[in-house]
C-alpha cells in the first residue's frame, strides 16, 4: 500500500486508520514487544517520518489501538450480557452468568489483554502529556461504561461494580503472559508430570478468578 501526500482532513484520517489497522493485523501474528515502528512503517507503505506525523511514537499507536479494542470489547460485552443474563434469576445465578460472560469475552480477545498488560510498563512511556492525558480520559469513560454494564445486571454490587470490572481486566491482562507457554516449559511438564500442577490454563483460571472476585464483593446479606 502506498499513499500520496495527504491534503485534506479526510485523507489524514484514512492514513491514521491505515496505521492502526496495520498495527492490529501485526498483533495477530506477533507479540506487542516484536511490533516495531520500522516494520509498521514498511507494512503500511509510509516512510517512518510520515508515520510519526500521525503518531508521535510506537507507544502512541498502540495506546490508541488499545482504546479502540476496549470500545469494541465493551460494545460486544453489552450485547452478550443483555442476551445472556436473565434479570429475573436469583442473585447467585445472575452473578455466575455475569462472571462467565465477562471472563469469556476477555479470553476471546488476546490482543486486548496483551496490550492492557503492556499499558503501565511500556505503552504509557515514550508518549507526551497530551497523548497520555487523552488516553486516560478515554480510560475513565471505558471504566464508567464497564461499571454501568455490570451494575445494570448486578445492582447488589453497588459501588463495587467498578472494582469488579477493573479486577477482571487486570487479571486477564496478567494471564495473557501465560497464553502461549514456551516449548521448554511444555517439555518440562511432559518430562515431569507432577509439575503440571503449576500449569495455568488462562481461560479457566480467569473464569474462576472473576467468579471468586464477584462473589467476594457481593454484600453478605444479599
N, C-alpha and C. Protein backbone atom coordinates (compact mmCIF):
# COMPACT_ATOMS: atom_id res chain seq x y z
N UNK A 1 0.85 -1.19 0.00
CA UNK A 1 0.00 0.00 0.00
C UNK A 1 0.88 1.24 0.00
N UNK A 2 0.61 2.17 -0.90
CA UNK A 2 1.33 3.44 -0.93
C UNK A 2 0.32 4.58 -0.93
N UNK A 3 0.75 5.72 -0.41
CA UNK A 3 -0.14 6.87 -0.28
C UNK A 3 0.47 8.09 -0.97
N UNK A 4 -0.40 8.89 -1.53
CA UNK A 4 0.00 10.22 -1.96
C UNK A 4 -0.07 11.14 -0.74
N UNK A 5 0.51 12.31 -0.87
CA UNK A 5 0.51 13.24 0.25
C UNK A 5 -0.91 13.59 0.67
N UNK A 6 -1.17 13.54 1.97
CA UNK A 6 -2.50 13.86 2.49
C UNK A 6 -2.71 15.36 2.49
N UNK A 7 -3.78 15.80 1.85
CA UNK A 7 -4.04 17.23 1.75
C UNK A 7 -5.32 17.65 2.48
N UNK A 8 -6.17 16.72 2.81
CA UNK A 8 -7.42 17.04 3.50
C UNK A 8 -7.50 16.27 4.81
N UNK A 9 -8.39 16.71 5.68
CA UNK A 9 -8.58 16.02 6.95
C UNK A 9 -9.06 14.59 6.72
N UNK A 10 -9.90 14.39 5.72
CA UNK A 10 -10.37 13.04 5.40
C UNK A 10 -9.22 12.14 4.99
N UNK A 11 -8.30 12.65 4.17
CA UNK A 11 -7.15 11.86 3.76
C UNK A 11 -6.24 11.55 4.94
N UNK A 12 -6.07 12.51 5.83
CA UNK A 12 -5.24 12.26 7.02
C UNK A 12 -5.87 11.20 7.91
N UNK A 13 -7.19 11.22 8.02
CA UNK A 13 -7.87 10.22 8.83
C UNK A 13 -7.74 8.83 8.20
N UNK A 14 -7.76 8.76 6.89
CA UNK A 14 -7.56 7.48 6.20
C UNK A 14 -6.19 6.91 6.54
N UNK A 15 -5.18 7.76 6.57
CA UNK A 15 -3.84 7.29 6.90
C UNK A 15 -3.73 6.85 8.35
N UNK A 16 -4.34 7.60 9.24
CA UNK A 16 -4.34 7.20 10.66
C UNK A 16 -5.01 5.84 10.82
N UNK A 17 -6.12 5.66 10.14
CA UNK A 17 -6.85 4.40 10.24
C UNK A 17 -6.03 3.25 9.66
N UNK A 18 -5.32 3.53 8.55
CA UNK A 18 -4.49 2.50 7.94
C UNK A 18 -3.36 2.08 8.87
N UNK A 19 -2.77 3.04 9.57
CA UNK A 19 -1.71 2.72 10.53
C UNK A 19 -2.24 1.85 11.65
N UNK A 20 -3.39 2.22 12.19
CA UNK A 20 -3.99 1.43 13.28
C UNK A 20 -4.40 0.04 12.80
N UNK A 21 -4.98 -0.05 11.62
CA UNK A 21 -5.41 -1.35 11.10
C UNK A 21 -4.21 -2.25 10.84
N UNK A 22 -3.12 -1.67 10.35
CA UNK A 22 -1.92 -2.46 10.10
C UNK A 22 -1.31 -2.95 11.42
N UNK A 23 -1.27 -2.09 12.41
CA UNK A 23 -0.76 -2.50 13.73
C UNK A 23 -1.61 -3.61 14.31
N UNK A 24 -2.93 -3.51 14.14
CA UNK A 24 -3.83 -4.55 14.64
C UNK A 24 -3.56 -5.88 13.95
N UNK A 25 -3.37 -5.84 12.63
CA UNK A 25 -3.08 -7.07 11.89
C UNK A 25 -1.74 -7.68 12.33
N UNK A 26 -0.77 -6.84 12.63
CA UNK A 26 0.53 -7.32 13.08
C UNK A 26 0.41 -8.04 14.42
N UNK A 27 -0.47 -7.55 15.29
CA UNK A 27 -0.63 -8.18 16.60
C UNK A 27 -1.29 -9.56 16.51
N UNK A 28 -1.89 -9.87 15.35
CA UNK A 28 -2.44 -11.20 15.14
C UNK A 28 -1.34 -12.22 14.90
N UNK A 29 -0.14 -11.74 14.58
CA UNK A 29 0.95 -12.66 14.23
C UNK A 29 2.20 -12.49 15.08
N UNK A 30 2.23 -11.50 15.96
CA UNK A 30 3.42 -11.29 16.77
C UNK A 30 3.04 -10.65 18.11
N UNK A 31 3.87 -10.82 19.14
CA UNK A 31 3.59 -10.16 20.43
C UNK A 31 3.83 -8.67 20.35
N UNK A 32 3.33 -7.95 21.33
CA UNK A 32 3.48 -6.50 21.37
C UNK A 32 4.95 -6.09 21.30
N UNK A 33 5.81 -6.80 22.01
CA UNK A 33 7.22 -6.44 22.07
C UNK A 33 7.91 -6.52 20.71
N UNK A 34 7.38 -7.34 19.81
CA UNK A 34 8.01 -7.52 18.50
C UNK A 34 7.55 -6.50 17.46
N UNK A 35 6.52 -5.75 17.78
CA UNK A 35 5.99 -4.77 16.83
C UNK A 35 6.85 -3.52 16.88
N UNK A 36 7.58 -3.27 15.79
CA UNK A 36 8.46 -2.11 15.73
C UNK A 36 7.89 -1.05 14.80
N UNK A 37 8.32 0.18 15.01
CA UNK A 37 7.87 1.27 14.16
C UNK A 37 8.40 1.11 12.73
N UNK A 38 9.61 0.57 12.60
CA UNK A 38 10.17 0.36 11.26
C UNK A 38 9.34 -0.63 10.46
N UNK A 39 8.96 -1.75 11.10
CA UNK A 39 8.17 -2.76 10.39
C UNK A 39 6.75 -2.26 10.14
N UNK A 40 6.20 -1.54 11.09
CA UNK A 40 4.88 -0.95 10.89
C UNK A 40 4.89 0.00 9.70
N UNK A 41 5.90 0.84 9.62
CA UNK A 41 6.02 1.78 8.51
C UNK A 41 6.11 1.05 7.18
N UNK A 42 6.93 0.00 7.15
CA UNK A 42 7.10 -0.76 5.91
C UNK A 42 5.78 -1.37 5.46
N UNK A 43 5.05 -1.95 6.39
CA UNK A 43 3.81 -2.63 6.03
C UNK A 43 2.71 -1.66 5.63
N UNK A 44 2.68 -0.51 6.25
CA UNK A 44 1.61 0.43 5.93
C UNK A 44 1.91 1.21 4.66
N UNK A 45 3.18 1.19 4.22
CA UNK A 45 3.54 1.85 2.98
C UNK A 45 3.85 3.32 3.13
N UNK A 46 4.28 3.71 4.33
CA UNK A 46 4.67 5.10 4.59
C UNK A 46 6.08 5.11 5.17
N UNK A 47 6.84 6.12 4.83
CA UNK A 47 8.15 6.29 5.45
C UNK A 47 7.96 6.53 6.95
N UNK A 48 8.93 6.10 7.74
CA UNK A 48 8.83 6.25 9.19
C UNK A 48 8.56 7.69 9.61
N UNK A 49 9.24 8.71 9.03
CA UNK A 49 8.91 10.09 9.42
C UNK A 49 7.47 10.47 9.13
N UNK A 50 6.89 9.86 8.09
CA UNK A 50 5.50 10.16 7.78
C UNK A 50 4.55 9.53 8.79
N UNK A 51 4.88 8.33 9.24
CA UNK A 51 4.08 7.70 10.29
C UNK A 51 4.11 8.58 11.54
N UNK A 52 5.29 9.14 11.82
CA UNK A 52 5.44 9.97 13.02
C UNK A 52 4.70 11.30 12.91
N UNK A 53 4.21 11.64 11.73
CA UNK A 53 3.36 12.82 11.59
C UNK A 53 1.97 12.57 12.18
N UNK A 54 1.58 11.30 12.21
CA UNK A 54 0.24 10.95 12.69
C UNK A 54 0.26 10.43 14.13
N UNK A 55 1.35 9.77 14.49
CA UNK A 55 1.52 9.25 15.86
C UNK A 55 2.95 9.55 16.28
N UNK A 56 3.10 10.09 17.47
CA UNK A 56 4.43 10.54 17.89
C UNK A 56 5.40 9.41 18.22
N UNK A 57 4.90 8.18 18.41
CA UNK A 57 5.76 7.06 18.75
C UNK A 57 5.00 5.76 18.53
N UNK A 58 5.73 4.66 18.58
CA UNK A 58 5.10 3.34 18.52
C UNK A 58 4.10 3.19 19.66
N UNK A 59 4.48 3.66 20.84
CA UNK A 59 3.61 3.53 22.00
C UNK A 59 2.31 4.30 21.82
N UNK A 60 2.39 5.45 21.17
CA UNK A 60 1.18 6.23 20.91
C UNK A 60 0.22 5.49 19.98
N UNK A 61 0.79 4.81 18.99
CA UNK A 61 -0.04 3.97 18.10
C UNK A 61 -0.76 2.91 18.91
N UNK A 62 0.00 2.22 19.75
CA UNK A 62 -0.57 1.09 20.48
C UNK A 62 -1.55 1.53 21.57
N UNK A 63 -1.33 2.69 22.16
CA UNK A 63 -2.29 3.20 23.13
C UNK A 63 -3.63 3.50 22.46
N UNK A 64 -3.58 4.11 21.29
CA UNK A 64 -4.84 4.39 20.59
C UNK A 64 -5.51 3.10 20.14
N UNK A 65 -4.71 2.13 19.72
CA UNK A 65 -5.27 0.85 19.34
C UNK A 65 -5.92 0.16 20.54
N UNK A 66 -5.28 0.25 21.68
CA UNK A 66 -5.85 -0.32 22.90
C UNK A 66 -7.20 0.31 23.20
N UNK A 67 -7.30 1.61 23.04
CA UNK A 67 -8.58 2.28 23.30
C UNK A 67 -9.65 1.78 22.33
N UNK A 68 -9.28 1.58 21.06
CA UNK A 68 -10.23 1.02 20.08
C UNK A 68 -10.66 -0.39 20.51
N UNK A 69 -9.71 -1.19 20.95
CA UNK A 69 -10.04 -2.55 21.39
C UNK A 69 -11.00 -2.53 22.58
N UNK A 70 -10.75 -1.61 23.51
CA UNK A 70 -11.63 -1.51 24.67
C UNK A 70 -13.06 -1.15 24.27
N UNK A 71 -13.18 -0.21 23.33
CA UNK A 71 -14.51 0.17 22.85
C UNK A 71 -15.22 -1.01 22.18
N UNK A 72 -14.50 -1.74 21.34
CA UNK A 72 -15.09 -2.90 20.67
C UNK A 72 -15.50 -3.95 21.68
N UNK A 73 -14.64 -4.17 22.67
CA UNK A 73 -14.96 -5.17 23.70
C UNK A 73 -16.22 -4.79 24.47
N UNK A 74 -16.30 -3.54 24.88
CA UNK A 74 -17.45 -3.11 25.67
C UNK A 74 -18.74 -3.17 24.86
N UNK A 75 -18.66 -2.88 23.57
CA UNK A 75 -19.85 -3.00 22.72
C UNK A 75 -20.32 -4.44 22.65
N UNK A 76 -19.38 -5.36 22.45
CA UNK A 76 -19.74 -6.76 22.41
C UNK A 76 -20.22 -7.27 23.76
N UNK A 77 -19.58 -6.81 24.82
CA UNK A 77 -19.96 -7.24 26.16
C UNK A 77 -21.39 -6.81 26.49
N UNK A 78 -21.75 -5.62 26.09
CA UNK A 78 -23.12 -5.13 26.35
C UNK A 78 -24.15 -6.07 25.73
N UNK A 79 -23.90 -6.48 24.49
CA UNK A 79 -24.83 -7.41 23.83
C UNK A 79 -24.84 -8.77 24.49
N UNK A 80 -23.65 -9.26 24.86
CA UNK A 80 -23.56 -10.59 25.49
C UNK A 80 -24.30 -10.61 26.84
N UNK A 81 -24.15 -9.56 27.61
CA UNK A 81 -24.82 -9.50 28.90
C UNK A 81 -26.33 -9.37 28.73
N UNK A 82 -26.74 -8.59 27.75
CA UNK A 82 -28.17 -8.38 27.53
C UNK A 82 -28.88 -9.68 27.17
N UNK A 83 -28.21 -10.51 26.39
CA UNK A 83 -28.84 -11.76 25.96
C UNK A 83 -28.54 -12.93 26.88
N UNK A 84 -27.47 -12.81 27.69
CA UNK A 84 -27.02 -13.95 28.49
C UNK A 84 -27.37 -13.91 29.96
N UNK A 85 -27.93 -12.80 30.44
CA UNK A 85 -28.26 -12.69 31.86
C UNK A 85 -29.75 -12.39 32.00
N UNK A 86 -30.45 -13.29 32.65
CA UNK A 86 -31.88 -13.13 32.91
C UNK A 86 -32.05 -12.36 34.21
N UNK A 87 -32.61 -11.15 34.12
CA UNK A 87 -32.77 -10.32 35.30
C UNK A 87 -33.71 -10.91 36.34
N UNK A 88 -34.51 -11.90 35.98
CA UNK A 88 -35.42 -12.50 36.93
C UNK A 88 -34.82 -13.61 37.75
N UNK A 89 -33.57 -13.98 37.45
CA UNK A 89 -32.92 -15.07 38.18
C UNK A 89 -32.47 -14.63 39.58
N UNK A 90 -32.31 -15.58 40.48
CA UNK A 90 -31.75 -15.24 41.80
C UNK A 90 -30.35 -14.66 41.66
N UNK A 91 -29.90 -13.95 42.69
CA UNK A 91 -28.63 -13.26 42.65
C UNK A 91 -27.47 -14.18 42.28
N UNK A 92 -27.41 -15.35 42.91
CA UNK A 92 -26.28 -16.25 42.66
C UNK A 92 -26.19 -16.67 41.21
N UNK A 93 -27.32 -16.94 40.60
CA UNK A 93 -27.31 -17.37 39.20
C UNK A 93 -26.96 -16.21 38.27
N UNK A 94 -27.45 -15.02 38.59
CA UNK A 94 -27.08 -13.85 37.79
C UNK A 94 -25.58 -13.57 37.90
N UNK A 95 -25.05 -13.68 39.12
CA UNK A 95 -23.62 -13.43 39.33
C UNK A 95 -22.77 -14.44 38.57
N UNK A 96 -23.18 -15.69 38.60
CA UNK A 96 -22.45 -16.73 37.87
C UNK A 96 -22.47 -16.45 36.37
N UNK A 97 -23.63 -16.04 35.87
CA UNK A 97 -23.74 -15.74 34.44
C UNK A 97 -22.87 -14.55 34.06
N UNK A 98 -22.89 -13.49 34.86
CA UNK A 98 -22.08 -12.31 34.57
C UNK A 98 -20.59 -12.67 34.58
N UNK A 99 -20.17 -13.44 35.58
CA UNK A 99 -18.76 -13.83 35.67
C UNK A 99 -18.33 -14.64 34.46
N UNK A 100 -19.19 -15.56 34.02
CA UNK A 100 -18.86 -16.38 32.87
C UNK A 100 -18.75 -15.56 31.59
N UNK A 101 -19.69 -14.66 31.39
CA UNK A 101 -19.68 -13.82 30.18
C UNK A 101 -18.50 -12.87 30.20
N UNK A 102 -18.24 -12.27 31.34
CA UNK A 102 -17.14 -11.31 31.46
C UNK A 102 -15.79 -11.98 31.18
N UNK A 103 -15.57 -13.13 31.79
CA UNK A 103 -14.29 -13.82 31.61
C UNK A 103 -14.16 -14.37 30.19
N UNK A 104 -15.23 -14.88 29.65
CA UNK A 104 -15.16 -15.43 28.28
C UNK A 104 -14.91 -14.33 27.26
N UNK A 105 -15.54 -13.18 27.45
CA UNK A 105 -15.36 -12.09 26.50
C UNK A 105 -13.92 -11.60 26.48
N UNK A 106 -13.25 -11.63 27.64
CA UNK A 106 -11.85 -11.22 27.70
C UNK A 106 -10.94 -12.31 27.13
N UNK A 107 -11.24 -13.56 27.41
CA UNK A 107 -10.43 -14.66 26.89
C UNK A 107 -10.45 -14.69 25.37
N UNK A 108 -11.55 -14.25 24.79
CA UNK A 108 -11.69 -14.25 23.33
C UNK A 108 -10.95 -13.09 22.66
N UNK A 109 -10.34 -12.22 23.47
CA UNK A 109 -9.64 -11.05 22.92
C UNK A 109 -8.20 -10.99 23.43
N UNK A 110 -7.35 -11.90 22.96
CA UNK A 110 -5.97 -11.94 23.46
C UNK A 110 -5.18 -10.68 23.18
N UNK A 111 -5.39 -10.03 22.03
CA UNK A 111 -4.63 -8.82 21.72
C UNK A 111 -4.98 -7.70 22.70
N UNK A 112 -6.26 -7.57 23.03
CA UNK A 112 -6.68 -6.57 24.01
C UNK A 112 -5.98 -6.83 25.34
N UNK A 113 -5.99 -8.09 25.79
CA UNK A 113 -5.40 -8.42 27.09
C UNK A 113 -3.90 -8.18 27.10
N UNK A 114 -3.22 -8.51 25.99
CA UNK A 114 -1.78 -8.30 25.95
C UNK A 114 -1.44 -6.81 25.94
N UNK A 115 -2.19 -6.03 25.18
CA UNK A 115 -1.95 -4.59 25.18
C UNK A 115 -2.21 -3.98 26.56
N UNK A 116 -3.28 -4.43 27.20
CA UNK A 116 -3.59 -3.90 28.54
C UNK A 116 -2.49 -4.29 29.52
N UNK A 117 -1.92 -5.49 29.33
CA UNK A 117 -0.82 -5.93 30.18
C UNK A 117 0.40 -5.03 30.01
N UNK A 118 0.62 -4.55 28.78
CA UNK A 118 1.79 -3.71 28.49
C UNK A 118 1.54 -2.24 28.82
N UNK A 119 0.33 -1.89 29.20
CA UNK A 119 -0.03 -0.49 29.37
C UNK A 119 0.89 0.25 30.33
N UNK A 120 0.98 -0.22 31.57
CA UNK A 120 1.73 0.51 32.58
C UNK A 120 3.23 0.47 32.39
N UNK A 121 3.76 -0.69 32.00
CA UNK A 121 5.21 -0.84 31.91
C UNK A 121 5.82 -0.39 30.61
N UNK A 122 5.02 -0.30 29.53
CA UNK A 122 5.57 0.00 28.20
C UNK A 122 4.81 1.14 27.52
N UNK A 123 3.52 0.97 27.33
CA UNK A 123 2.77 1.87 26.45
C UNK A 123 2.64 3.28 27.00
N UNK A 124 2.63 3.43 28.31
CA UNK A 124 2.49 4.76 28.88
C UNK A 124 3.82 5.50 28.99
N UNK A 125 4.87 4.87 28.47
CA UNK A 125 6.18 5.52 28.39
C UNK A 125 6.41 5.99 26.95
N UNK A 126 7.30 6.95 26.77
CA UNK A 126 7.63 7.46 25.44
C UNK A 126 6.44 8.09 24.74
N UNK A 127 5.56 8.71 25.53
CA UNK A 127 4.43 9.46 24.97
C UNK A 127 4.35 10.81 25.69
N UNK A 128 3.78 11.79 25.02
CA UNK A 128 3.69 13.13 25.58
C UNK A 128 2.56 13.23 26.60
N UNK A 129 2.58 14.32 27.36
CA UNK A 129 1.50 14.58 28.32
C UNK A 129 0.16 14.64 27.59
N UNK A 130 0.15 15.24 26.42
CA UNK A 130 -1.10 15.36 25.66
C UNK A 130 -1.67 13.98 25.31
N UNK A 131 -0.81 13.09 24.83
CA UNK A 131 -1.26 11.76 24.43
C UNK A 131 -1.75 10.96 25.64
N UNK A 132 -0.98 10.97 26.71
CA UNK A 132 -1.36 10.17 27.88
C UNK A 132 -2.62 10.73 28.54
N UNK A 133 -2.76 12.07 28.53
CA UNK A 133 -3.96 12.66 29.11
C UNK A 133 -5.20 12.27 28.31
N UNK A 134 -5.08 12.32 26.98
CA UNK A 134 -6.21 11.93 26.13
C UNK A 134 -6.57 10.46 26.35
N UNK A 135 -5.55 9.62 26.46
CA UNK A 135 -5.82 8.20 26.68
C UNK A 135 -6.49 7.96 28.04
N UNK A 136 -5.99 8.63 29.07
CA UNK A 136 -6.54 8.41 30.40
C UNK A 136 -7.98 8.94 30.51
N UNK A 137 -8.27 10.02 29.82
CA UNK A 137 -9.66 10.50 29.81
C UNK A 137 -10.57 9.46 29.18
N UNK A 138 -10.10 8.87 28.08
CA UNK A 138 -10.86 7.80 27.46
C UNK A 138 -11.00 6.60 28.38
N UNK A 139 -9.94 6.29 29.12
CA UNK A 139 -9.97 5.15 30.05
C UNK A 139 -11.03 5.32 31.12
N UNK A 140 -11.18 6.57 31.60
CA UNK A 140 -12.24 6.82 32.58
C UNK A 140 -13.62 6.55 31.99
N UNK A 141 -13.82 6.95 30.75
CA UNK A 141 -15.10 6.68 30.09
C UNK A 141 -15.32 5.18 29.94
N UNK A 142 -14.28 4.45 29.56
CA UNK A 142 -14.42 2.99 29.38
C UNK A 142 -14.73 2.32 30.72
N UNK A 143 -14.06 2.77 31.78
CA UNK A 143 -14.31 2.19 33.10
C UNK A 143 -15.74 2.48 33.55
N UNK A 144 -16.21 3.68 33.30
CA UNK A 144 -17.59 4.02 33.67
C UNK A 144 -18.59 3.15 32.90
N UNK A 145 -18.30 2.91 31.62
CA UNK A 145 -19.18 2.06 30.81
C UNK A 145 -19.20 0.65 31.36
N UNK A 146 -18.01 0.10 31.65
CA UNK A 146 -17.92 -1.25 32.19
C UNK A 146 -18.64 -1.36 33.53
N UNK A 147 -18.43 -0.37 34.38
CA UNK A 147 -19.10 -0.36 35.68
C UNK A 147 -20.62 -0.36 35.52
N UNK A 148 -21.10 0.44 34.58
CA UNK A 148 -22.53 0.50 34.34
C UNK A 148 -23.09 -0.81 33.82
N UNK A 149 -22.36 -1.46 32.93
CA UNK A 149 -22.83 -2.74 32.38
C UNK A 149 -22.97 -3.79 33.48
N UNK A 150 -21.96 -3.86 34.34
CA UNK A 150 -22.01 -4.84 35.43
C UNK A 150 -23.10 -4.47 36.43
N UNK A 151 -23.15 -3.18 36.78
CA UNK A 151 -24.14 -2.74 37.76
C UNK A 151 -25.57 -2.90 37.28
N UNK A 152 -25.81 -2.80 35.98
CA UNK A 152 -27.16 -2.98 35.46
C UNK A 152 -27.69 -4.38 35.74
N UNK A 153 -26.81 -5.36 35.70
CA UNK A 153 -27.23 -6.75 35.90
C UNK A 153 -27.03 -7.24 37.33
N UNK A 154 -26.17 -6.53 38.06
CA UNK A 154 -25.92 -6.88 39.46
C UNK A 154 -25.94 -5.61 40.31
N UNK A 155 -27.11 -4.98 40.44
CA UNK A 155 -27.18 -3.74 41.23
C UNK A 155 -26.78 -3.95 42.69
N UNK A 156 -26.83 -5.21 43.14
CA UNK A 156 -26.46 -5.50 44.52
C UNK A 156 -25.00 -5.16 44.81
N UNK A 157 -24.17 -5.07 43.77
CA UNK A 157 -22.75 -4.74 43.97
C UNK A 157 -22.54 -3.30 44.40
N UNK A 158 -23.46 -2.43 44.04
CA UNK A 158 -23.28 -1.02 44.37
C UNK A 158 -22.00 -0.47 43.76
N UNK A 159 -21.25 0.29 44.55
CA UNK A 159 -20.02 0.90 44.05
C UNK A 159 -18.94 -0.13 43.71
N UNK A 160 -19.08 -1.34 44.22
CA UNK A 160 -18.07 -2.37 43.95
C UNK A 160 -18.15 -2.93 42.53
N UNK A 161 -19.14 -2.51 41.76
CA UNK A 161 -19.19 -2.93 40.35
C UNK A 161 -17.95 -2.43 39.61
N UNK A 162 -17.46 -1.25 39.98
CA UNK A 162 -16.25 -0.72 39.34
C UNK A 162 -15.04 -1.59 39.67
N UNK A 163 -14.90 -1.97 40.93
CA UNK A 163 -13.77 -2.82 41.33
C UNK A 163 -13.83 -4.17 40.64
N UNK A 164 -15.03 -4.70 40.50
CA UNK A 164 -15.19 -5.99 39.83
C UNK A 164 -14.70 -5.92 38.39
N UNK A 165 -15.11 -4.89 37.67
CA UNK A 165 -14.70 -4.75 36.28
C UNK A 165 -13.21 -4.52 36.14
N UNK A 166 -12.67 -3.65 36.98
CA UNK A 166 -11.24 -3.37 36.91
C UNK A 166 -10.42 -4.60 37.24
N UNK A 167 -10.86 -5.36 38.23
CA UNK A 167 -10.13 -6.56 38.62
C UNK A 167 -10.17 -7.62 37.52
N UNK A 168 -11.29 -7.74 36.83
CA UNK A 168 -11.38 -8.69 35.72
C UNK A 168 -10.40 -8.34 34.62
N UNK A 169 -10.32 -7.06 34.27
CA UNK A 169 -9.39 -6.60 33.23
C UNK A 169 -7.94 -6.84 33.64
N UNK A 170 -7.61 -6.49 34.87
CA UNK A 170 -6.24 -6.65 35.35
C UNK A 170 -5.83 -8.12 35.41
N UNK A 171 -6.75 -8.97 35.82
CA UNK A 171 -6.44 -10.40 35.89
C UNK A 171 -6.25 -10.97 34.49
N UNK A 172 -7.12 -10.59 33.57
CA UNK A 172 -6.98 -11.06 32.20
C UNK A 172 -5.67 -10.59 31.59
N UNK A 173 -5.27 -9.36 31.91
CA UNK A 173 -4.02 -8.83 31.41
C UNK A 173 -2.83 -9.62 31.95
N UNK A 174 -2.85 -9.91 33.24
CA UNK A 174 -1.76 -10.66 33.85
C UNK A 174 -1.66 -12.07 33.27
N UNK A 175 -2.80 -12.68 33.00
CA UNK A 175 -2.81 -14.05 32.48
C UNK A 175 -2.41 -14.14 31.02
N UNK A 176 -2.41 -13.01 30.31
CA UNK A 176 -2.07 -13.05 28.89
C UNK A 176 -0.65 -13.55 28.66
N UNK A 177 0.21 -13.37 29.64
CA UNK A 177 1.60 -13.84 29.51
C UNK A 177 1.70 -15.35 29.50
N UNK A 178 0.66 -16.04 29.97
CA UNK A 178 0.68 -17.50 30.06
C UNK A 178 -0.09 -18.17 28.93
N UNK A 179 -0.58 -17.37 27.98
CA UNK A 179 -1.43 -17.93 26.93
C UNK A 179 -0.68 -18.90 26.03
N UNK A 180 0.57 -18.59 25.70
CA UNK A 180 1.37 -19.47 24.83
C UNK A 180 2.64 -19.86 25.59
N UNK A 181 2.64 -21.01 26.27
CA UNK A 181 3.83 -21.44 27.03
C UNK A 181 5.01 -21.70 26.09
N UNK A 182 6.23 -21.39 26.51
CA UNK A 182 7.40 -21.67 25.68
C UNK A 182 7.62 -23.17 25.54
N UNK A 183 8.23 -23.61 24.44
CA UNK A 183 8.46 -25.05 24.22
C UNK A 183 9.20 -25.72 25.37
N UNK A 184 10.17 -25.01 25.96
CA UNK A 184 10.94 -25.62 27.05
C UNK A 184 10.05 -25.95 28.25
N UNK A 185 9.09 -25.07 28.53
CA UNK A 185 8.19 -25.32 29.65
C UNK A 185 7.26 -26.49 29.36
N UNK A 186 6.75 -26.57 28.15
CA UNK A 186 5.90 -27.69 27.77
C UNK A 186 6.68 -29.00 27.87
N UNK A 187 7.94 -28.99 27.48
CA UNK A 187 8.78 -30.18 27.56
C UNK A 187 9.01 -30.58 29.02
N UNK A 188 9.17 -29.56 29.89
CA UNK A 188 9.36 -29.85 31.31
C UNK A 188 8.11 -30.49 31.91
N UNK A 189 6.93 -30.00 31.54
CA UNK A 189 5.69 -30.60 32.02
C UNK A 189 5.55 -32.05 31.55
N UNK A 190 5.97 -32.29 30.33
CA UNK A 190 5.86 -33.65 29.79
C UNK A 190 6.85 -34.59 30.46
N UNK A 191 8.04 -34.09 30.75
CA UNK A 191 9.07 -34.92 31.36
C UNK A 191 8.77 -35.20 32.83
N UNK A 192 8.17 -34.21 33.51
CA UNK A 192 7.85 -34.39 34.93
C UNK A 192 6.38 -34.01 35.15
N UNK A 193 5.49 -34.98 34.99
CA UNK A 193 4.04 -34.70 35.05
C UNK A 193 3.60 -34.01 36.34
N UNK A 194 4.34 -34.22 37.43
CA UNK A 194 3.90 -33.59 38.69
C UNK A 194 4.03 -32.06 38.62
N UNK A 195 4.85 -31.56 37.71
CA UNK A 195 4.98 -30.12 37.55
C UNK A 195 3.73 -29.50 36.94
N UNK A 196 2.90 -30.32 36.33
CA UNK A 196 1.69 -29.82 35.66
C UNK A 196 0.73 -29.14 36.63
N UNK A 197 0.92 -29.36 37.92
CA UNK A 197 0.10 -28.63 38.90
C UNK A 197 0.29 -27.13 38.78
N UNK A 198 1.44 -26.74 38.26
CA UNK A 198 1.73 -25.32 38.10
C UNK A 198 1.29 -24.78 36.74
N UNK A 199 0.80 -25.65 35.88
CA UNK A 199 0.40 -25.22 34.54
C UNK A 199 -0.89 -24.42 34.61
N UNK A 200 -0.87 -23.26 34.01
CA UNK A 200 -2.04 -22.38 34.02
C UNK A 200 -2.80 -22.50 32.71
N UNK A 201 -4.10 -22.71 32.82
CA UNK A 201 -5.00 -22.61 31.67
C UNK A 201 -5.69 -21.26 31.81
N UNK A 202 -5.20 -20.25 31.10
CA UNK A 202 -5.65 -18.87 31.35
C UNK A 202 -7.16 -18.68 31.33
N UNK A 203 -7.86 -19.28 30.37
CA UNK A 203 -9.31 -19.06 30.28
C UNK A 203 -10.03 -19.62 31.50
N UNK A 204 -9.66 -20.84 31.90
CA UNK A 204 -10.31 -21.46 33.06
C UNK A 204 -9.95 -20.71 34.34
N UNK A 205 -8.69 -20.33 34.46
CA UNK A 205 -8.26 -19.61 35.66
C UNK A 205 -8.95 -18.26 35.76
N UNK A 206 -9.08 -17.58 34.61
CA UNK A 206 -9.73 -16.28 34.61
C UNK A 206 -11.17 -16.39 35.07
N UNK A 207 -11.88 -17.40 34.59
CA UNK A 207 -13.28 -17.57 34.99
C UNK A 207 -13.38 -17.79 36.50
N UNK A 208 -12.50 -18.64 37.04
CA UNK A 208 -12.52 -18.89 38.49
C UNK A 208 -12.20 -17.62 39.27
N UNK A 209 -11.20 -16.86 38.78
CA UNK A 209 -10.78 -15.65 39.49
C UNK A 209 -11.88 -14.58 39.46
N UNK A 210 -12.50 -14.40 38.29
CA UNK A 210 -13.56 -13.39 38.18
C UNK A 210 -14.76 -13.79 39.03
N UNK A 211 -15.10 -15.07 39.00
CA UNK A 211 -16.23 -15.55 39.81
C UNK A 211 -15.96 -15.34 41.30
N UNK A 212 -14.74 -15.69 41.75
CA UNK A 212 -14.39 -15.53 43.16
C UNK A 212 -14.41 -14.05 43.56
N UNK A 213 -13.89 -13.20 42.70
CA UNK A 213 -13.89 -11.76 42.98
C UNK A 213 -15.31 -11.22 43.09
N UNK A 214 -16.14 -11.61 42.12
CA UNK A 214 -17.51 -11.10 42.09
C UNK A 214 -18.29 -11.54 43.33
N UNK A 215 -18.22 -12.82 43.65
CA UNK A 215 -18.97 -13.31 44.81
C UNK A 215 -18.41 -12.73 46.10
N UNK A 216 -17.09 -12.49 46.12
CA UNK A 216 -16.49 -11.89 47.32
C UNK A 216 -16.93 -10.46 47.53
N UNK A 217 -17.32 -9.77 46.44
CA UNK A 217 -17.73 -8.36 46.54
C UNK A 217 -19.22 -8.21 46.86
N UNK A 218 -19.99 -9.25 46.62
CA UNK A 218 -21.43 -9.15 46.88
C UNK A 218 -21.69 -8.96 48.37
N UNK A 219 -22.65 -8.14 48.74
CA UNK A 219 -22.95 -7.95 50.17
C UNK A 219 -23.40 -9.25 50.80
N UNK A 220 -22.98 -9.49 52.02
CA UNK A 220 -23.24 -10.74 52.70
C UNK A 220 -24.73 -10.98 52.93
N UNK A 221 -25.50 -9.91 53.01
CA UNK A 221 -26.92 -10.08 53.29
C UNK A 221 -27.75 -10.18 52.02
N UNK A 222 -27.08 -10.19 50.84
CA UNK A 222 -27.83 -10.24 49.59
C UNK A 222 -28.20 -11.68 49.26
